[in-house]
Protein backbone atom coordinates (compact mmCIF):
# COMPACT_ATOMS: atom_id res chain seq x y z
CA UNK A 1 0.73 27.53 30.95
CA UNK A 2 -2.84 28.69 30.23
CA UNK A 3 -4.79 29.18 27.92
CA UNK A 4 -2.86 31.57 25.36
CA UNK A 5 -0.47 28.33 25.08
CA UNK A 6 -3.53 25.83 24.40
CA UNK A 7 -4.46 28.42 21.68
CA UNK A 8 -1.24 28.29 19.92
CA UNK A 9 -0.87 24.69 20.61
CA UNK A 10 -3.96 23.93 18.73
CA UNK A 11 -2.82 26.77 15.85
CA UNK A 12 0.03 25.10 15.13
CA UNK A 13 -1.47 21.92 15.17
CA UNK A 14 -4.40 22.91 12.94
CA UNK A 15 -1.76 23.87 10.43
CA UNK A 16 0.37 21.06 10.64
CA UNK A 17 -2.56 19.22 9.53
CA UNK A 18 -3.33 21.52 7.08
CA UNK A 19 0.07 21.42 5.44
CA UNK A 20 0.33 18.15 5.95
CA UNK A 21 -2.58 17.19 3.76
CA UNK A 22 -1.48 20.03 1.09
CA UNK A 23 1.72 18.38 1.31
CA UNK A 24 -0.33 14.69 0.53
CA UNK A 25 -2.31 16.18 -2.75
CA UNK A 26 0.90 17.89 -4.64
CA UNK A 27 2.95 14.61 -3.75
CA UNK A 28 0.13 12.85 -5.48
CA UNK A 29 0.41 15.47 -8.59
CA UNK A 30 3.68 15.00 -8.96
CA UNK A 31 3.45 11.14 -8.73
CA UNK A 32 0.93 11.18 -11.57
CA UNK A 33 2.60 13.52 -13.78
CA UNK A 34 6.08 11.43 -13.41
CA UNK A 35 4.45 8.20 -14.42
CA UNK A 36 2.75 9.48 -17.36
CA UNK A 37 5.46 12.00 -18.47
CA UNK A 38 9.01 11.02 -17.02
CA UNK A 39 10.78 12.53 -14.16
CA UNK A 40 12.53 15.37 -16.55
CA UNK A 41 10.62 18.69 -15.79
CA UNK A 42 11.94 20.38 -18.62
CA UNK A 43 10.47 17.76 -20.63
CA UNK A 44 7.06 16.76 -18.83
CA UNK A 45 4.86 20.12 -18.88
CA UNK A 46 2.82 18.79 -16.39
CA UNK A 47 5.67 17.80 -13.89
CA UNK A 48 6.48 21.62 -13.88
CA UNK A 49 2.94 22.25 -12.97
CA UNK A 50 3.06 19.88 -10.49
CA UNK A 51 6.44 21.18 -8.99
CA UNK A 52 5.10 24.97 -9.31
CA UNK A 53 1.83 23.39 -6.94
CA UNK A 54 3.94 22.15 -4.43
CA UNK A 55 6.16 25.08 -3.94
CA UNK A 56 2.97 27.62 -3.87
CA UNK A 57 2.11 25.34 -0.68
CA UNK A 58 5.62 25.38 0.41
CA UNK A 59 6.21 21.67 0.24
CA UNK A 60 9.99 21.10 0.73
CA UNK A 61 12.30 20.78 -1.63
CA UNK A 62 13.61 17.54 -0.60
CA UNK A 63 9.80 16.34 -0.19
CA UNK A 64 9.18 17.24 -3.87
CA UNK A 65 12.77 15.46 -5.19
CA UNK A 66 11.67 12.80 -3.32
CA UNK A 67 8.37 12.25 -4.70
CA UNK A 68 9.70 12.36 -8.19
CA UNK A 69 12.40 10.00 -7.36
CA UNK A 70 9.68 7.34 -6.06
CA UNK A 71 7.42 7.54 -9.01
CA UNK A 72 10.00 7.29 -11.23
CA UNK A 73 12.12 4.51 -9.22
CA UNK A 74 12.34 0.79 -10.24
CA UNK A 75 9.62 0.09 -7.12
CA UNK A 76 7.81 3.09 -8.09
CA UNK A 77 5.01 2.68 -4.93
CA UNK A 78 1.55 3.60 -5.49
CA UNK A 79 0.17 3.66 -8.45
CA UNK A 80 -2.03 6.80 -8.51
CA UNK A 81 -4.80 7.76 -10.56
CA UNK A 82 -6.95 10.53 -11.30
CA UNK A 83 -11.03 9.73 -11.20
CA UNK A 84 -13.78 12.29 -11.20
CA UNK A 85 -16.97 11.94 -8.99
CA UNK A 86 -20.28 13.41 -9.60
CA UNK A 87 -23.16 14.07 -7.27
CA UNK A 88 -25.92 15.88 -5.35
CA UNK A 89 -25.24 17.56 -2.24
CA UNK A 90 -28.23 18.60 -0.05
CA UNK A 91 -31.11 20.81 -1.55
CA UNK A 92 -30.07 19.10 -5.21
CA UNK A 93 -26.57 21.27 -5.29
CA UNK A 94 -24.40 19.64 -8.35
CA UNK A 95 -21.05 18.55 -6.76
CA UNK A 96 -17.92 17.16 -8.58
CA UNK A 97 -14.95 15.59 -6.51
CA UNK A 98 -11.60 15.57 -8.19
CA UNK A 99 -9.30 12.45 -6.54
CA UNK A 100 -6.05 10.82 -6.53
CA UNK A 101 -6.55 7.26 -5.66
CA UNK A 102 -4.18 4.43 -6.15
CA UNK A 103 -7.53 2.48 -4.86
CA UNK A 104 -10.96 3.24 -6.91
CA UNK A 105 -12.95 1.14 -4.63
CA UNK A 106 -11.66 2.66 -1.20
CA UNK A 107 -12.24 5.89 -2.59
CA UNK A 108 -15.96 5.47 -4.29
CA UNK A 109 -17.12 3.43 -0.94
CA UNK A 110 -15.70 6.92 1.06
CA UNK A 111 -17.07 9.31 -1.31
CA UNK A 112 -20.52 7.66 -1.38
CA UNK A 113 -20.55 7.54 2.10
CA UNK A 114 -19.58 11.51 2.54
CA UNK A 115 -22.79 12.08 0.12
CA UNK A 116 -25.37 9.77 2.29
CA UNK A 117 -24.35 11.36 5.41
CA UNK A 118 -24.38 15.03 4.34
CA UNK A 119 -28.08 14.14 2.62
CA UNK A 120 -27.00 13.96 -0.66
CA UNK A 121 -26.34 11.04 -3.18
CA UNK A 122 -23.49 10.08 -5.44
CA UNK A 123 -24.15 9.97 -9.12
CA UNK A 124 -23.68 8.14 -12.16
CA UNK A 125 -20.93 9.27 -15.03
CA UNK A 126 -21.99 12.57 -17.09
CA UNK A 127 -25.15 12.88 -14.46
CA UNK A 128 -23.30 16.40 -13.46
CA UNK A 129 -20.40 17.37 -15.31
CA UNK A 130 -22.31 18.77 -17.94
CA UNK A 131 -23.51 21.71 -15.73
CA UNK A 132 -19.98 22.51 -15.47
CA UNK A 133 -17.06 24.19 -17.80
CA UNK A 134 -13.58 22.92 -17.33
CA UNK A 135 -10.97 25.71 -17.62
CA UNK A 136 -7.19 25.75 -17.31
CA UNK A 137 -6.42 28.02 -14.39
CA UNK A 138 -3.34 29.92 -13.70
CA UNK A 139 -2.53 32.52 -10.53
CA UNK A 140 -0.28 35.04 -11.58
CA UNK A 141 1.09 37.12 -9.18
CA UNK A 142 -0.58 40.66 -9.79
CA UNK A 143 1.81 43.27 -11.15
CA UNK A 144 4.20 41.01 -12.51
CA UNK A 145 3.11 42.77 -16.27
CA UNK A 146 1.50 44.73 -17.41
CA UNK A 147 -2.17 43.69 -16.85
CA UNK A 148 -3.95 44.93 -20.18
CA UNK A 149 -0.66 44.21 -22.66
CA UNK A 150 -0.84 40.87 -21.04
CA UNK A 151 -4.12 40.56 -21.93
CA UNK A 152 -3.89 40.92 -25.49
CA UNK A 153 -0.67 38.82 -25.50
CA UNK A 154 -2.36 35.76 -24.26
CA UNK A 155 -5.53 36.18 -26.55
CA UNK A 156 -3.65 34.06 -28.49
CA UNK A 157 -2.39 31.42 -26.19
CA UNK A 158 -6.24 30.70 -25.91
CA UNK A 159 -7.11 32.98 -22.90
CA UNK A 160 -11.11 32.74 -21.91
CA UNK A 161 -10.65 35.94 -19.35
CA UNK A 162 -8.04 37.41 -16.82
CA UNK A 163 -10.01 38.28 -13.27
CA UNK A 164 -8.41 39.97 -10.40
CA UNK A 165 -8.41 38.49 -6.96
CA UNK A 166 -6.89 38.32 -3.50
CA UNK A 167 -5.41 34.70 -2.54
CA UNK A 168 -5.21 33.24 1.20
CA UNK A 169 -2.09 35.55 1.68
CA UNK A 170 -3.82 38.89 0.99
CA UNK A 171 -1.49 39.19 -1.80
CA UNK A 172 -3.19 40.41 -5.17
CA UNK A 173 -2.88 38.14 -8.08
CA UNK A 174 -4.53 37.57 -11.54
CA UNK A 175 -6.24 34.44 -12.45
CA UNK A 176 -6.18 33.54 -15.69
CA UNK A 177 -8.46 31.09 -17.34
CA UNK A 178 -8.33 29.10 -21.02
CA UNK A 179 -9.77 26.44 -22.43
CA UNK A 180 -8.56 22.86 -21.49
CA UNK A 181 -7.65 22.54 -24.93
CA UNK A 182 -5.41 25.28 -24.76
CA UNK A 183 -3.75 24.40 -21.17
CA UNK A 184 0.01 23.49 -22.72
CA UNK A 185 -0.15 26.87 -25.38
CA UNK A 186 -0.92 29.32 -21.69
CA UNK A 187 1.42 27.35 -19.71
CA UNK A 188 4.11 27.86 -22.28
CA UNK A 189 2.95 31.38 -23.39
CA UNK A 190 3.55 32.16 -19.06
CA UNK A 191 6.65 30.79 -18.77
CA UNK A 192 8.28 32.60 -21.73
CA UNK A 193 7.38 35.97 -20.54
CA UNK A 194 8.84 34.66 -16.75
CA UNK A 195 5.58 35.68 -14.82
CA UNK A 196 5.40 34.45 -11.26
CA UNK A 197 2.76 32.02 -11.39
CA UNK A 198 1.92 30.72 -8.45
CA UNK A 199 -0.08 27.73 -9.47
CA UNK A 200 -2.22 26.34 -12.03
CA UNK A 201 -4.99 23.80 -12.33
CA UNK A 202 -7.45 22.35 -14.49
CA UNK A 203 -10.52 23.44 -12.52
CA UNK A 204 -14.59 23.03 -12.87
CA UNK A 205 -16.80 26.18 -13.20
CA UNK A 206 -20.77 25.74 -12.71
CA UNK A 207 -22.62 27.58 -15.69
CA UNK A 208 -24.90 28.69 -13.27
CA UNK A 209 -25.05 29.09 -9.20
CA UNK A 210 -27.37 28.80 -6.69
CA UNK A 211 -28.47 30.81 -4.21
CA UNK A 212 -29.25 29.40 -0.68
CA UNK A 213 -30.13 30.52 2.46
CA UNK A 214 -27.23 30.48 5.54
CA UNK A 215 -28.72 27.39 7.21
CA UNK A 216 -28.53 25.55 4.16
CA UNK A 217 -25.26 27.01 2.96
CA UNK A 218 -23.77 25.54 6.35
CA UNK A 219 -25.17 21.83 4.97
CA UNK A 220 -23.26 22.41 2.09
CA UNK A 221 -20.47 23.29 3.14
CA UNK A 222 -20.10 20.64 5.83
CA UNK A 223 -20.31 18.12 2.95
CA UNK A 224 -17.21 20.06 1.13
CA UNK A 225 -15.27 19.87 4.47
CA UNK A 226 -15.99 16.42 5.06
CA UNK A 227 -15.22 15.26 1.28
CA UNK A 228 -11.90 17.57 1.51
CA UNK A 229 -10.61 15.86 4.52
CA UNK A 230 -10.50 12.51 2.67
CA UNK A 231 -6.11 12.46 1.57
CA UNK A 232 -7.92 10.96 -1.73
CA UNK A 233 -9.52 14.17 -2.40
CA UNK A 234 -7.67 16.65 -4.66
CA UNK A 235 -10.39 19.45 -4.96
CA UNK A 236 -14.20 19.73 -5.00
CA UNK A 237 -16.54 21.94 -6.81
CA UNK A 238 -20.09 23.15 -6.59
CA UNK A 239 -22.72 25.60 -8.10
CA UNK A 240 -23.20 27.42 -4.76
CA UNK A 241 -23.18 30.82 -5.42
CA UNK A 242 -20.75 33.20 -3.15
CA UNK A 243 -22.02 34.16 -0.07
CA UNK A 244 -21.73 37.68 -0.54
CA UNK A 245 -23.66 37.11 -3.84
CA UNK A 246 -26.92 35.81 -1.07
C-alpha cells in the first residue's frame, strides 16, 4: 500500500496515543474534582473546570459523563490524589512535576527513575517550588470581548496580567493570569461574562529563566517528554527559556 499509507497510519496511531493520554489526564481531573466537591457541576467549580478542560481536548461527552458517574458511585474506583514532585534536570534546571496518582509509591519511583536516567535528580519537598510562582491560568478565545475593557473589568477579580498567544490549533487566544487565591473569583467573573474559556488550570511560572545551547536544551526536552509519557503525570514545568530567547 506504499509509504504514504504507512505515514498516514503512523500519524493516526500517534494522534490516538495523544488522545488517550489527554483523556486519561482529563478523567483523573474529573475524578479528583467529584470526590472533593460532588458530582454537580453547578455547585462544584472545580468540576466545571475539569469538564471544560476535558472538552478542550475533545473528550467525548459520554466519556465525561462516565468519569463523573464512576467517581461519584458507590464503587468509586481508584482514589486519585494530586502530588507535586520537585527536582533538578540536567545542567541544574529546576523542574516541577504535577501528578494525579492512585499509588504514590509507584509514581515517586517512576519519577525518580526518569530524573536519574535523564541526568537529573529528584529533590525533596520545597527544594524547587520556591523558584516558581503559582498562578491561576485561563485560556480564552481572543475577540470574545473588547480586550482593553476586559482587562480593566477583571482587575477586581484578581487579574495579574493578560497576554496574547496562539494555541496548538493556530487560533488567537488570550491567556489570563490571576493569583492562586483569586482562581474561583476569576472563574466566576469569566463565566458571568459568558466568555469562551478554552481551558484553565493552576500553573507554575518560573521567577527567572535559564538559557541553554541546543544540545543541552535537547536533554531537558527529552526528560520532559519521558515524564509526560507517564500516565500519572499531569504537567511538567521548568525554568528553561523559550528557544526563540536563546
